[in-house]
């Protein structure tokens, strides 16, 4: 149920939108630096090489949806990740 809440609830989507806007505002031009900033904010660590590749693939699939929508999607994915949701 928790995973479905995060995927579908307006609150989770609103938080993803705010995160995407913050990342764009703080780092307007450098996609790689923006991804690293997202990982620092959410996970308190830098993104690993494999994670960078996955993030860049997500952003690369933006196509007609546009860059803003791609960043919203990426922010939503990161907020729904196990590392963000569960405390070890």
PDB file of N, CA and C in Angstrom:
ATOM      1  N   UNK A   1       0.805  -1.211   0.000  1.00  0.00           N
ATOM      2  CA  UNK A   1       0.000   0.000   0.000  1.00  0.00           C
ATOM      3  C   UNK A   1       0.846   1.274   0.000  1.00  0.00           C
ATOM      4  N   UNK A   2       1.994   1.243   0.699  1.00  0.00           N
ATOM      5  CA  UNK A   2       2.824   2.433   0.764  1.00  0.00           C
ATOM      6  C   UNK A   2       3.361   2.803  -0.611  1.00  0.00           C
ATOM      7  N   UNK A   3       3.784   1.818  -1.377  1.00  0.00           N
ATOM      8  CA  UNK A   3       4.310   2.089  -2.712  1.00  0.00           C
ATOM      9  C   UNK A   3       3.241   2.702  -3.601  1.00  0.00           C
ATOM     10  N   UNK A   4       2.030   2.199  -3.532  1.00  0.00           N
ATOM     11  CA  UNK A   4       0.944   2.757  -4.338  1.00  0.00           C
ATOM     12  C   UNK A   4       0.607   4.172  -3.902  1.00  0.00           C
ATOM     13  N   UNK A   5       0.681   4.434  -2.600  1.00  0.00           N
ATOM     14  CA  UNK A   5       0.446   5.784  -2.101  1.00  0.00           C
ATOM     15  C   UNK A   5       1.437   6.748  -2.738  1.00  0.00           C
ATOM     16  N   UNK A   6       2.696   6.388  -2.719  1.00  0.00           N
ATOM     17  CA  UNK A   6       3.716   7.276  -3.271  1.00  0.00           C
ATOM     18  C   UNK A   6       3.585   7.451  -4.776  1.00  0.00           C
ATOM     19  N   UNK A   7       3.170   6.423  -5.459  1.00  0.00           N
ATOM     20  CA  UNK A   7       3.037   6.513  -6.911  1.00  0.00           C
ATOM     21  C   UNK A   7       1.832   7.334  -7.339  1.00  0.00           C
ATOM     22  N   UNK A   8       0.774   7.330  -6.551  1.00  0.00           N
ATOM     23  CA  UNK A   8      -0.486   7.892  -7.010  1.00  0.00           C
ATOM     24  C   UNK A   8      -1.009   9.096  -6.233  1.00  0.00           C
ATOM     25  N   UNK A   9      -0.535   9.317  -5.045  1.00  0.00           N
ATOM     26  CA  UNK A   9      -1.117  10.362  -4.202  1.00  0.00           C
ATOM     27  C   UNK A   9      -0.671  11.756  -4.643  1.00  0.00           C
ATOM     28  N   UNK A  10      -1.605  12.700  -4.561  1.00  0.00           N
ATOM     29  CA  UNK A  10      -1.315  14.080  -4.958  1.00  0.00           C
ATOM     30  C   UNK A  10      -0.171  14.684  -4.149  1.00  0.00           C
ATOM     31  N   UNK A  11      -0.069  14.317  -2.875  1.00  0.00           N
ATOM     32  CA  UNK A  11       1.010  14.853  -2.036  1.00  0.00           C
ATOM     33  C   UNK A  11       2.376  14.449  -2.579  1.00  0.00           C
ATOM     34  N   UNK A  12       2.522  13.181  -2.926  1.00  0.00           N
ATOM     35  CA  UNK A  12       3.806  12.705  -3.463  1.00  0.00           C
ATOM     36  C   UNK A  12       4.128  13.380  -4.784  1.00  0.00           C
ATOM     37  N   UNK A  13       3.133  13.544  -5.629  1.00  0.00           N
ATOM     38  CA  UNK A  13       3.348  14.216  -6.912  1.00  0.00           C
ATOM     39  C   UNK A  13       3.696  15.692  -6.711  1.00  0.00           C
ATOM     40  N   UNK A  14       3.056  16.328  -5.756  1.00  0.00           N
ATOM     41  CA  UNK A  14       3.358  17.730  -5.459  1.00  0.00           C
ATOM     42  C   UNK A  14       4.788  17.883  -4.948  1.00  0.00           C
ATOM     43  N   UNK A  15       5.229  16.948  -4.108  1.00  0.00           N
ATOM     44  CA  UNK A  15       6.597  17.014  -3.590  1.00  0.00           C
ATOM     45  C   UNK A  15       7.614  16.788  -4.709  1.00  0.00           C
ATOM     46  N   UNK A  16       7.297  15.886  -5.629  1.00  0.00           N
ATOM     47  CA  UNK A  16       8.182  15.663  -6.775  1.00  0.00           C
ATOM     48  C   UNK A  16       8.272  16.926  -7.625  1.00  0.00           C
ATOM     49  N   UNK A  17       7.150  17.585  -7.817  1.00  0.00           N
ATOM     50  CA  UNK A  17       7.138  18.831  -8.602  1.00  0.00           C
ATOM     51  C   UNK A  17       7.989  19.904  -7.928  1.00  0.00           C
ATOM     52  N   UNK A  18       7.863  20.026  -6.617  1.00  0.00           N
ATOM     53  CA  UNK A  18       8.660  21.019  -5.882  1.00  0.00           C
ATOM     54  C   UNK A  18      10.148  20.683  -5.925  1.00  0.00           C
ATOM     55  N   UNK A  19      10.472  19.408  -5.815  1.00  0.00           N
ATOM     56  CA  UNK A  19      11.878  19.001  -5.904  1.00  0.00           C
ATOM     57  C   UNK A  19      12.430  19.326  -7.289  1.00  0.00           C
ATOM     58  N   UNK A  20      11.688  19.017  -8.331  1.00  0.00           N
ATOM     59  CA  UNK A  20      12.139  19.306  -9.695  1.00  0.00           C
ATOM     60  C   UNK A  20      12.337  20.813  -9.891  1.00  0.00           C
ATOM     61  N   UNK A  21      11.415  21.613  -9.376  1.00  0.00           N
ATOM     62  CA  UNK A  21      11.561  23.072  -9.490  1.00  0.00           C
ATOM     63  C   UNK A  21      12.779  23.567  -8.721  1.00  0.00           C
ATOM     64  N   UNK A  22      13.001  23.019  -7.533  1.00  0.00           N
ATOM     65  CA  UNK A  22      14.158  23.427  -6.729  1.00  0.00           C
ATOM     66  C   UNK A  22      15.466  23.097  -7.446  1.00  0.00           C
ATOM     67  N   UNK A  23      15.548  21.888  -7.985  1.00  0.00           N
ATOM     68  CA  UNK A  23      16.766  21.482  -8.683  1.00  0.00           C
ATOM     69  C   UNK A  23      17.028  22.380  -9.889  1.00  0.00           C
ATOM     70  N   UNK A  24      15.989  22.689 -10.633  1.00  0.00           N
ATOM     71  CA  UNK A  24      16.126  23.553 -11.807  1.00  0.00           C
ATOM     72  C   UNK A  24      16.531  24.964 -11.397  1.00  0.00           C
ATOM     73  N   UNK A  25      15.963  25.462 -10.310  1.00  0.00           N
ATOM     74  CA  UNK A  25      16.289  26.798  -9.825  1.00  0.00           C
ATOM     75  C   UNK A  25      17.731  26.866  -9.314  1.00  0.00           C
ATOM     76  N   UNK A  26      18.159  25.861  -8.549  1.00  0.00           N
ATOM     77  CA  UNK A  26      19.492  25.882  -7.958  1.00  0.00           C
ATOM     78  C   UNK A  26      20.593  25.636  -8.989  1.00  0.00           C
ATOM     79  N   UNK A  27      20.324  24.767  -9.955  1.00  0.00           N
ATOM     80  CA  UNK A  27      21.336  24.423 -10.965  1.00  0.00           C
ATOM     81  C   UNK A  27      20.651  24.465 -12.335  1.00  0.00           C
ATOM     82  N   UNK A  28      20.584  25.656 -12.938  1.00  0.00           N
ATOM     83  CA  UNK A  28      19.787  25.820 -14.152  1.00  0.00           C
ATOM     84  C   UNK A  28      20.335  25.169 -15.420  1.00  0.00           C
ATOM     85  N   UNK A  29      21.635  24.940 -15.522  1.00  0.00           N
ATOM     86  CA  UNK A  29      22.169  24.506 -16.818  1.00  0.00           C
ATOM     87  C   UNK A  29      22.907  23.169 -16.827  1.00  0.00           C
ATOM     88  N   UNK A  30      23.382  22.694 -15.711  1.00  0.00           N
ATOM     89  CA  UNK A  30      24.229  21.506 -15.691  1.00  0.00           C
ATOM     90  C   UNK A  30      23.444  20.283 -15.212  1.00  0.00           C
ATOM     91  N   UNK A  31      23.043  19.423 -16.149  1.00  0.00           N
ATOM     92  CA  UNK A  31      22.233  18.252 -15.840  1.00  0.00           C
ATOM     93  C   UNK A  31      22.928  17.307 -14.865  1.00  0.00           C
ATOM     94  N   UNK A  32      24.210  17.072 -15.069  1.00  0.00           N
ATOM     95  CA  UNK A  32      24.960  16.164 -14.200  1.00  0.00           C
ATOM     96  C   UNK A  32      25.022  16.701 -12.775  1.00  0.00           C
ATOM     97  N   UNK A  33      25.314  17.974 -12.633  1.00  0.00           N
ATOM     98  CA  UNK A  33      25.368  18.583 -11.304  1.00  0.00           C
ATOM     99  C   UNK A  33      23.991  18.559 -10.642  1.00  0.00           C
ATOM    100  N   UNK A  34      22.963  18.709 -11.439  1.00  0.00           N
ATOM    101  CA  UNK A  34      21.597  18.683 -10.903  1.00  0.00           C
ATOM    102  C   UNK A  34      21.253  17.295 -10.361  1.00  0.00           C
ATOM    103  N   UNK A  35      21.658  16.267 -11.064  1.00  0.00           N
ATOM    104  CA  UNK A  35      21.417  14.897 -10.585  1.00  0.00           C
ATOM    105  C   UNK A  35      22.170  14.666  -9.283  1.00  0.00           C
ATOM    106  N   UNK A  36      23.425  15.095  -9.235  1.00  0.00           N
ATOM    107  CA  UNK A  36      24.208  14.943  -8.001  1.00  0.00           C
ATOM    108  C   UNK A  36      23.553  15.700  -6.849  1.00  0.00           C
ATOM    109  N   UNK A  37      23.015  16.873  -7.126  1.00  0.00           N
ATOM    110  CA  UNK A  37      22.343  17.661  -6.088  1.00  0.00           C
ATOM    111  C   UNK A  37      21.104  16.924  -5.568  1.00  0.00           C
ATOM    112  N   UNK A  38      20.363  16.311  -6.468  1.00  0.00           N
ATOM    113  CA  UNK A  38      19.187  15.541  -6.060  1.00  0.00           C
ATOM    114  C   UNK A  38      19.586  14.424  -5.106  1.00  0.00           C
ATOM    115  N   UNK A  39      20.646  13.727  -5.428  1.00  0.00           N
ATOM    116  CA  UNK A  39      21.104  12.635  -4.564  1.00  0.00           C
ATOM    117  C   UNK A  39      21.591  13.170  -3.222  1.00  0.00           C
ATOM    118  N   UNK A  40      22.254  14.307  -3.227  1.00  0.00           N
ATOM    119  CA  UNK A  40      22.708  14.898  -1.960  1.00  0.00           C
ATOM    120  C   UNK A  40      21.509  15.270  -1.093  1.00  0.00           C
ATOM    121  N   UNK A  41      20.502  15.896  -1.705  1.00  0.00           N
ATOM    122  CA  UNK A  41      19.324  16.304  -0.940  1.00  0.00           C
ATOM    123  C   UNK A  41      18.548  15.108  -0.395  1.00  0.00           C
ATOM    124  N   UNK A  42      18.353  14.098  -1.228  1.00  0.00           N
ATOM    125  CA  UNK A  42      17.486  12.989  -0.848  1.00  0.00           C
ATOM    126  C   UNK A  42      18.184  11.886  -0.061  1.00  0.00           C
ATOM    127  N   UNK A  43      19.435  11.613  -0.409  1.00  0.00           N
ATOM    128  CA  UNK A  43      20.113  10.453   0.167  1.00  0.00           C
ATOM    129  C   UNK A  43      21.382  10.803   0.943  1.00  0.00           C
ATOM    130  N   UNK A  44      21.745  12.079   0.955  1.00  0.00           N
ATOM    131  CA  UNK A  44      22.943  12.554   1.657  1.00  0.00           C
ATOM    132  C   UNK A  44      24.211  11.855   1.170  1.00  0.00           C
ATOM    133  N   UNK A  45      24.258  11.636  -0.145  1.00  0.00           N
ATOM    134  CA  UNK A  45      25.441  11.019  -0.751  1.00  0.00           C
ATOM    135  C   UNK A  45      25.448  11.356  -2.246  1.00  0.00           C
ATOM    136  N   UNK A  46      26.602  11.226  -2.874  1.00  0.00           N
ATOM    137  CA  UNK A  46      26.646  11.456  -4.325  1.00  0.00           C
ATOM    138  C   UNK A  46      26.040  10.276  -5.084  1.00  0.00           C
ATOM    139  N   UNK A  47      25.591  10.546  -6.280  1.00  0.00           N
ATOM    140  CA  UNK A  47      25.065   9.482  -7.135  1.00  0.00           C
ATOM    141  C   UNK A  47      26.213   8.618  -7.632  1.00  0.00           C
ATOM    142  N   UNK A  48      25.981   7.317  -7.677  1.00  0.00           N
ATOM    143  CA  UNK A  48      26.975   6.388  -8.227  1.00  0.00           C
ATOM    144  C   UNK A  48      26.909   6.432  -9.750  1.00  0.00           C
ATOM    145  N   UNK A  49      27.937   5.913 -10.395  1.00  0.00           N
ATOM    146  CA  UNK A  49      28.007   5.945 -11.859  1.00  0.00           C
ATOM    147  C   UNK A  49      26.794   5.262 -12.492  1.00  0.00           C
ATOM    148  N   UNK A  50      26.400   4.121 -11.968  1.00  0.00           N
ATOM    149  CA  UNK A  50      25.245   3.402 -12.514  1.00  0.00           C
ATOM    150  C   UNK A  50      23.955   4.214 -12.327  1.00  0.00           C
ATOM    151  N   UNK A  51      23.835   4.865 -11.194  1.00  0.00           N
ATOM    152  CA  UNK A  51      22.658   5.695 -10.939  1.00  0.00           C
ATOM    153  C   UNK A  51      22.622   6.898 -11.867  1.00  0.00           C
ATOM    154  N   UNK A  52      23.784   7.477 -12.113  1.00  0.00           N
ATOM    155  CA  UNK A  52      23.862   8.598 -13.054  1.00  0.00           C
ATOM    156  C   UNK A  52      23.378   8.159 -14.432  1.00  0.00           C
ATOM    157  N   UNK A  53      23.807   6.994 -14.859  1.00  0.00           N
ATOM    158  CA  UNK A  53      23.420   6.479 -16.169  1.00  0.00           C
ATOM    159  C   UNK A  53      21.904   6.288 -16.249  1.00  0.00           C
ATOM    160  N   UNK A  54      21.317   5.723 -15.213  1.00  0.00           N
ATOM    161  CA  UNK A  54      19.869   5.506 -15.185  1.00  0.00           C
ATOM    162  C   UNK A  54      19.131   6.843 -15.210  1.00  0.00           C
ATOM    163  N   UNK A  55      19.584   7.791 -14.416  1.00  0.00           N
ATOM    164  CA  UNK A  55      18.950   9.114 -14.385  1.00  0.00           C
ATOM    165  C   UNK A  55      19.035   9.784 -15.757  1.00  0.00           C
ATOM    166  N   UNK A  56      20.175   9.700 -16.390  1.00  0.00           N
ATOM    167  CA  UNK A  56      20.330  10.302 -17.707  1.00  0.00           C
ATOM    168  C   UNK A  56      19.444   9.623 -18.740  1.00  0.00           C
ATOM    169  N   UNK A  57      19.221   8.312 -18.598  1.00  0.00           N
ATOM    170  CA  UNK A  57      18.300   7.615 -19.499  1.00  0.00           C
ATOM    171  C   UNK A  57      16.870   8.101 -19.298  1.00  0.00           C
ATOM    172  N   UNK A  58      16.476   8.266 -18.056  1.00  0.00           N
ATOM    173  CA  UNK A  58      15.132   8.773 -17.770  1.00  0.00           C
ATOM    174  C   UNK A  58      14.951  10.158 -18.380  1.00  0.00           C
ATOM    175  N   UNK A  59      15.942  11.003 -18.191  1.00  0.00           N
ATOM    176  CA  UNK A  59      15.862  12.357 -18.742  1.00  0.00           C
ATOM    177  C   UNK A  59      15.916  12.352 -20.267  1.00  0.00           C
ATOM    178  N   UNK A  60      16.659  11.426 -20.819  1.00  0.00           N
ATOM    179  CA  UNK A  60      16.787  11.329 -22.271  1.00  0.00           C
ATOM    180  C   UNK A  60      15.524  10.867 -22.960  1.00  0.00           C
ATOM    181  N   UNK A  61      14.644  10.237 -22.224  1.00  0.00           N
ATOM    182  CA  UNK A  61      13.389   9.748 -22.791  1.00  0.00           C
ATOM    183  C   UNK A  61      12.301  10.818 -22.789  1.00  0.00           C
ATOM    184  N   UNK A  62      12.653  12.041 -22.457  1.00  0.00           N
ATOM    185  CA  UNK A  62      11.666  13.115 -22.346  1.00  0.00           C
ATOM    186  C   UNK A  62      10.902  13.317 -23.650  1.00  0.00           C
ATOM    187  N   UNK A  63      11.631  13.330 -24.760  1.00  0.00           N
ATOM    188  CA  UNK A  63      10.989  13.492 -26.059  1.00  0.00           C
ATOM    189  C   UNK A  63      10.058  14.679 -26.100  1.00  0.00           C
ATOM    190  N   UNK A  64       8.842  14.438 -26.544  1.00  0.00           N
ATOM    191  CA  UNK A  64       7.857  15.503 -26.707  1.00  0.00           C
ATOM    192  C   UNK A  64       7.291  16.001 -25.384  1.00  0.00           C
ATOM    193  N   UNK A  65       7.494  15.226 -24.318  1.00  0.00           N
ATOM    194  CA  UNK A  65       6.958  15.636 -23.014  1.00  0.00           C
ATOM    195  C   UNK A  65       7.678  16.853 -22.466  1.00  0.00           C
ATOM    196  N   UNK A  66       8.909  17.052 -22.864  1.00  0.00           N
ATOM    197  CA  UNK A  66       9.650  18.224 -22.427  1.00  0.00           C
ATOM    198  C   UNK A  66      10.541  17.971 -21.242  1.00  0.00           C
ATOM    199  N   UNK A  67      11.495  18.843 -21.071  1.00  0.00           N
ATOM    200  CA  UNK A  67      12.498  18.725 -20.019  1.00  0.00           C
ATOM    201  C   UNK A  67      11.886  18.851 -18.628  1.00  0.00           C
ATOM    202  N   UNK A  68      10.963  19.790 -18.448  1.00  0.00           N
ATOM    203  CA  UNK A  68      10.351  19.969 -17.129  1.00  0.00           C
ATOM    204  C   UNK A  68       9.633  18.701 -16.686  1.00  0.00           C
ATOM    205  N   UNK A  69       8.921  18.073 -17.597  1.00  0.00           N
ATOM    206  CA  UNK A  69       8.209  16.836 -17.270  1.00  0.00           C
ATOM    207  C   UNK A  69       9.194  15.713 -16.957  1.00  0.00           C
ATOM    208  N   UNK A  70      10.314  15.679 -17.678  1.00  0.00           N
ATOM    209  CA  UNK A  70      11.325  14.646 -17.418  1.00  0.00           C
ATOM    210  C   UNK A  70      11.904  14.801 -16.017  1.00  0.00           C
ATOM    211  N   UNK A  71      12.175  16.032 -15.599  1.00  0.00           N
ATOM    212  CA  UNK A  71      12.702  16.256 -14.252  1.00  0.00           C
ATOM    213  C   UNK A  71      11.661  15.925 -13.193  1.00  0.00           C
ATOM    214  N   UNK A  72      10.389  16.202 -13.480  1.00  0.00           N
ATOM    215  CA  UNK A  72       9.319  15.817 -12.572  1.00  0.00           C
ATOM    216  C   UNK A  72       9.271  14.295 -12.434  1.00  0.00           C
ATOM    217  N   UNK A  73       9.368  13.594 -13.547  1.00  0.00           N
ATOM    218  CA  UNK A  73       9.361  12.126 -13.510  1.00  0.00           C
ATOM    219  C   UNK A  73      10.550  11.580 -12.728  1.00  0.00           C
ATOM    220  N   UNK A  74      11.727  12.139 -12.962  1.00  0.00           N
ATOM    221  CA  UNK A  74      12.916  11.677 -12.244  1.00  0.00           C
ATOM    222  C   UNK A  74      12.783  11.947 -10.748  1.00  0.00           C
ATOM    223  N   UNK A  75      12.321  13.129 -10.390  1.00  0.00           N
ATOM    224  CA  UNK A  75      12.131  13.454  -8.975  1.00  0.00           C
ATOM    225  C   UNK A  75      11.142  12.484  -8.330  1.00  0.00           C
ATOM    226  N   UNK A  76      10.094  12.147  -9.043  1.00  0.00           N
ATOM    227  CA  UNK A  76       9.092  11.213  -8.519  1.00  0.00           C
ATOM    228  C   UNK A  76       9.697   9.828  -8.318  1.00  0.00           C
ATOM    229  N   UNK A  77      10.493   9.387  -9.274  1.00  0.00           N
ATOM    230  CA  UNK A  77      11.163   8.084  -9.153  1.00  0.00           C
ATOM    231  C   UNK A  77      12.072   8.064  -7.925  1.00  0.00           C
ATOM    232  N   UNK A  78      12.853   9.120  -7.750  1.00  0.00           N
ATOM    233  CA  UNK A  78      13.778   9.167  -6.618  1.00  0.00           C
ATOM    234  C   UNK A  78      13.038   9.206  -5.283  1.00  0.00           C
ATOM    235  N   UNK A  79      11.943   9.955  -5.228  1.00  0.00           N
ATOM    236  CA  UNK A  79      11.162  10.025  -3.991  1.00  0.00           C
ATOM    237  C   UNK A  79      10.477   8.703  -3.661  1.00  0.00           C
ATOM    238  N   UNK A  80      10.228   7.885  -4.667  1.00  0.00           N
ATOM    239  CA  UNK A  80       9.577   6.591  -4.454  1.00  0.00           C
ATOM    240  C   UNK A  80      10.579   5.454  -4.255  1.00  0.00           C
ATOM    241  N   UNK A  81      11.853   5.766  -4.296  1.00  0.00           N
ATOM    242  CA  UNK A  81      12.867   4.714  -4.167  1.00  0.00           C
ATOM    243  C   UNK A  81      12.918   4.174  -2.739  1.00  0.00           C
ATOM    244  N   UNK A  82      13.328   2.934  -2.619  1.00  0.00           N
ATOM    245  CA  UNK A  82      13.452   2.306  -1.303  1.00  0.00           C
ATOM    246  C   UNK A  82      14.411   3.060  -0.401  1.00  0.00           C
ATOM    247  N   UNK A  83      15.470   3.570  -0.970  1.00  0.00           N
ATOM    248  CA  UNK A  83      16.473   4.271  -0.164  1.00  0.00           C
ATOM    249  C   UNK A  83      15.888   5.520   0.480  1.00  0.00           C
ATOM    250  N   UNK A  84      14.956   6.168  -0.190  1.00  0.00           N
ATOM    251  CA  UNK A  84      14.326   7.363   0.370  1.00  0.00           C
ATOM    252  C   UNK A  84      13.238   6.988   1.370  1.00  0.00           C
ATOM    253  N   UNK A  85      12.503   5.941   1.088  1.00  0.00           N
ATOM    254  CA  UNK A  85      11.326   5.579   1.881  1.00  0.00           C
ATOM    255  C   UNK A  85      11.685   4.862   3.178  1.00  0.00           C
ATOM    256  N   UNK A  86      12.691   3.997   3.156  1.00  0.00           N
ATOM    257  CA  UNK A  86      13.017   3.190   4.322  1.00  0.00           C
ATOM    258  C   UNK A  86      14.334   3.612   4.961  1.00  0.00           C
ATOM    259  N   UNK A  87      14.368   3.580   6.258  1.00  0.00           N
ATOM    260  CA  UNK A  87      15.566   3.897   7.021  1.00  0.00           C
ATOM    261  C   UNK A  87      16.273   2.607   7.394  1.00  0.00           C
ATOM    262  N   UNK A  88      17.556   2.508   7.059  1.00  0.00           N
ATOM    263  CA  UNK A  88      18.329   1.310   7.419  1.00  0.00           C
ATOM    264  C   UNK A  88      18.795   1.370   8.853  1.00  0.00           C
TER     265      UNK A  88
END
